[in-house]
Amino acid sequence: MHKKQKFFRDKIFEITLKANSSQKFKYVQIKINKVQTKKMIVQLIDVSDKILYNEVKAEQTFLTLINAAVSHELRNPLQSLMTLISDLKNTTS
């Protein structure tokens, strides 16, 4: 396999398609398969949905971690305050 073929094999490229004066970004994966000597098949596969799904999933995971950390950091002081208030009520009664 030539160096150029190895470079393009299974790489993902971002291309810009212009339609109706608006820009749409698409991600394309190039697959090269050798069929016979001196003949090959080049496939352009649209992987935009897969890329978008992975980005959304990563964002959701990040937000879940942030939410868990913030919830923990708020829960501990609030629990301490609730215990202190309860103790104050018991001592004044």
C-alpha atoms as a PDB file:
ATOM      1  CA  MET A   1       0.000   0.000   0.000  1.00  0.00           C
ATOM      2  CA  HIS A   2       1.328   3.421  -0.902  1.00  0.00           C
ATOM      3  CA  LYS A   3       2.046   6.117   1.680  1.00  0.00           C
ATOM      4  CA  LYS A   4      -0.859   8.243   0.421  1.00  0.00           C
ATOM      5  CA  GLN A   5      -3.276   5.350   0.808  1.00  0.00           C
ATOM      6  CA  LYS A   6      -2.087   4.719   4.374  1.00  0.00           C
ATOM      7  CA  PHE A   7      -2.551   8.402   5.198  1.00  0.00           C
ATOM      8  CA  PHE A   8      -6.174   8.435   4.043  1.00  0.00           C
ATOM      9  CA  ARG A   9      -7.108   5.023   5.398  1.00  0.00           C
ATOM     10  CA  ASP A  10      -9.856   5.277   8.061  1.00  0.00           C
ATOM     11  CA  LYS A  11      -9.189   8.952   8.791  1.00  0.00           C
ATOM     12  CA  ILE A  12     -12.038  11.353   9.512  1.00  0.00           C
ATOM     13  CA  PHE A  13     -12.092  14.697   7.731  1.00  0.00           C
ATOM     14  CA  GLU A  14     -14.310  17.718   8.281  1.00  0.00           C
ATOM     15  CA  ILE A  15     -15.662  19.189   5.063  1.00  0.00           C
ATOM     16  CA  THR A  16     -17.932  22.161   4.447  1.00  0.00           C
ATOM     17  CA  LEU A  17     -20.894  21.808   2.143  1.00  0.00           C
ATOM     18  CA  LYS A  18     -22.587  24.942   0.927  1.00  0.00           C
ATOM     19  CA  ALA A  19     -26.240  24.625   0.059  1.00  0.00           C
ATOM     20  CA  ASN A  20     -28.747  27.467  -0.213  1.00  0.00           C
ATOM     21  CA  SER A  21     -26.146  29.956   1.049  1.00  0.00           C
ATOM     22  CA  SER A  22     -25.904  28.216   4.422  1.00  0.00           C
ATOM     23  CA  GLN A  23     -22.935  26.222   5.594  1.00  0.00           C
ATOM     24  CA  LYS A  24     -23.361  22.685   6.807  1.00  0.00           C
ATOM     25  CA  PHE A  25     -20.485  20.830   8.366  1.00  0.00           C
ATOM     26  CA  LYS A  26     -20.147  17.158   7.630  1.00  0.00           C
ATOM     27  CA  TYR A  27     -17.613  14.625   8.788  1.00  0.00           C
ATOM     28  CA  VAL A  28     -16.485  12.094   6.235  1.00  0.00           C
ATOM     29  CA  GLN A  29     -14.465   8.934   6.747  1.00  0.00           C
ATOM     30  CA  ILE A  30     -12.432   7.642   3.822  1.00  0.00           C
ATOM     31  CA  LYS A  31     -12.062   3.894   3.381  1.00  0.00           C
ATOM     32  CA  ILE A  32      -9.829   2.431   0.710  1.00  0.00           C
ATOM     33  CA  ASN A  33     -10.169  -1.233  -0.248  1.00  0.00           C
ATOM     34  CA  LYS A  34      -7.950  -2.913  -2.771  1.00  0.00           C
ATOM     35  CA  VAL A  35     -10.088  -5.072  -5.067  1.00  0.00           C
ATOM     36  CA  GLN A  36      -7.605  -6.276  -7.661  1.00  0.00           C
ATOM     37  CA  THR A  37      -4.144  -5.313  -8.653  1.00  0.00           C
ATOM     38  CA  LYS A  38      -4.229  -1.713  -9.843  1.00  0.00           C
ATOM     39  CA  LYS A  39      -7.893  -1.357  -8.833  1.00  0.00           C
ATOM     40  CA  MET A  40      -9.330  -0.119  -5.583  1.00  0.00           C
ATOM     41  CA  ILE A  41     -12.593   1.093  -4.126  1.00  0.00           C
ATOM     42  CA  VAL A  42     -12.688   4.413  -2.320  1.00  0.00           C
ATOM     43  CA  GLN A  43     -15.642   4.936   0.028  1.00  0.00           C
ATOM     44  CA  LEU A  44     -16.693   8.245   1.539  1.00  0.00           C
ATOM     45  CA  ILE A  45     -18.786   7.496   4.599  1.00  0.00           C
ATOM     46  CA  ASP A  46     -20.779  10.235   6.365  1.00  0.00           C
ATOM     47  CA  VAL A  47     -20.005   9.894  10.088  1.00  0.00           C
ATOM     48  CA  SER A  48     -21.519  13.236  11.150  1.00  0.00           C
ATOM     49  CA  ASP A  49     -24.201  11.651  13.326  1.00  0.00           C
ATOM     50  CA  LYS A  50     -21.639   9.465  15.104  1.00  0.00           C
ATOM     51  CA  ILE A  51     -19.411  12.488  15.802  1.00  0.00           C
ATOM     52  CA  LEU A  52     -22.376  14.529  17.066  1.00  0.00           C
ATOM     53  CA  TYR A  53     -23.538  11.645  19.274  1.00  0.00           C
ATOM     54  CA  ASN A  54     -20.055  11.283  20.801  1.00  0.00           C
ATOM     55  CA  GLU A  55     -19.856  15.033  21.491  1.00  0.00           C
ATOM     56  CA  VAL A  56     -23.296  15.076  23.152  1.00  0.00           C
ATOM     57  CA  LYS A  57     -22.471  11.982  25.204  1.00  0.00           C
ATOM     58  CA  ALA A  58     -19.190  13.524  26.402  1.00  0.00           C
ATOM     59  CA  GLU A  59     -21.007  16.733  27.347  1.00  0.00           C
ATOM     60  CA  GLN A  60     -23.654  14.810  29.285  1.00  0.00           C
ATOM     61  CA  THR A  61     -20.984  12.845  31.145  1.00  0.00           C
ATOM     62  CA  PHE A  62     -19.181  16.075  32.036  1.00  0.00           C
ATOM     63  CA  LEU A  63     -22.403  17.703  33.275  1.00  0.00           C
ATOM     64  CA  THR A  64     -23.241  14.616  35.346  1.00  0.00           C
ATOM     65  CA  LEU A  65     -19.835  14.763  37.030  1.00  0.00           C
ATOM     66  CA  ILE A  66     -20.192  18.495  37.698  1.00  0.00           C
ATOM     67  CA  ASN A  67     -23.686  17.974  39.107  1.00  0.00           C
ATOM     68  CA  ALA A  68     -22.497  15.181  41.392  1.00  0.00           C
ATOM     69  CA  ALA A  69     -19.566  17.248  42.680  1.00  0.00           C
ATOM     70  CA  VAL A  70     -21.670  20.352  43.284  1.00  0.00           C
ATOM     71  CA  SER A  71     -24.452  18.358  44.924  1.00  0.00           C
ATOM     72  CA  HIS A  72     -21.916  16.761  47.277  1.00  0.00           C
ATOM     73  CA  GLU A  73     -20.308  20.104  48.117  1.00  0.00           C
ATOM     74  CA  LEU A  74     -23.706  21.631  48.921  1.00  0.00           C
ATOM     75  CA  ARG A  75     -25.113  18.621  50.748  1.00  0.00           C
ATOM     76  CA  ASN A  76     -22.362  18.433  53.387  1.00  0.00           C
ATOM     77  CA  PRO A  77     -22.627  22.044  54.628  1.00  0.00           C
ATOM     78  CA  LEU A  78     -26.427  21.930  54.553  1.00  0.00           C
ATOM     79  CA  GLN A  79     -26.420  18.711  56.556  1.00  0.00           C
ATOM     80  CA  SER A  80     -24.107  20.352  59.110  1.00  0.00           C
ATOM     81  CA  LEU A  81     -26.425  23.349  59.370  1.00  0.00           C
ATOM     82  CA  MET A  82     -29.479  21.126  59.782  1.00  0.00           C
ATOM     83  CA  THR A  83     -27.715  19.199  62.577  1.00  0.00           C
ATOM     84  CA  LEU A  84     -26.674  22.436  64.298  1.00  0.00           C
ATOM     85  CA  ILE A  85     -30.236  23.825  64.105  1.00  0.00           C
ATOM     86  CA  SER A  86     -31.624  20.581  65.460  1.00  0.00           C
ATOM     87  CA  ASP A  87     -29.136  20.618  68.343  1.00  0.00           C
ATOM     88  CA  LEU A  88     -30.004  24.262  69.115  1.00  0.00           C
ATOM     89  CA  LYS A  89     -33.710  23.435  69.180  1.00  0.00           C
ATOM     90  CA  ASN A  90     -33.077  20.519  71.561  1.00  0.00           C
ATOM     91  CA  THR A  91     -30.970  22.611  73.958  1.00  0.00           C
ATOM     92  CA  THR A  92     -33.456  25.492  74.108  1.00  0.00           C
ATOM     93  CA  SER A  93     -36.454  23.234  74.733  1.00  0.00           C
END
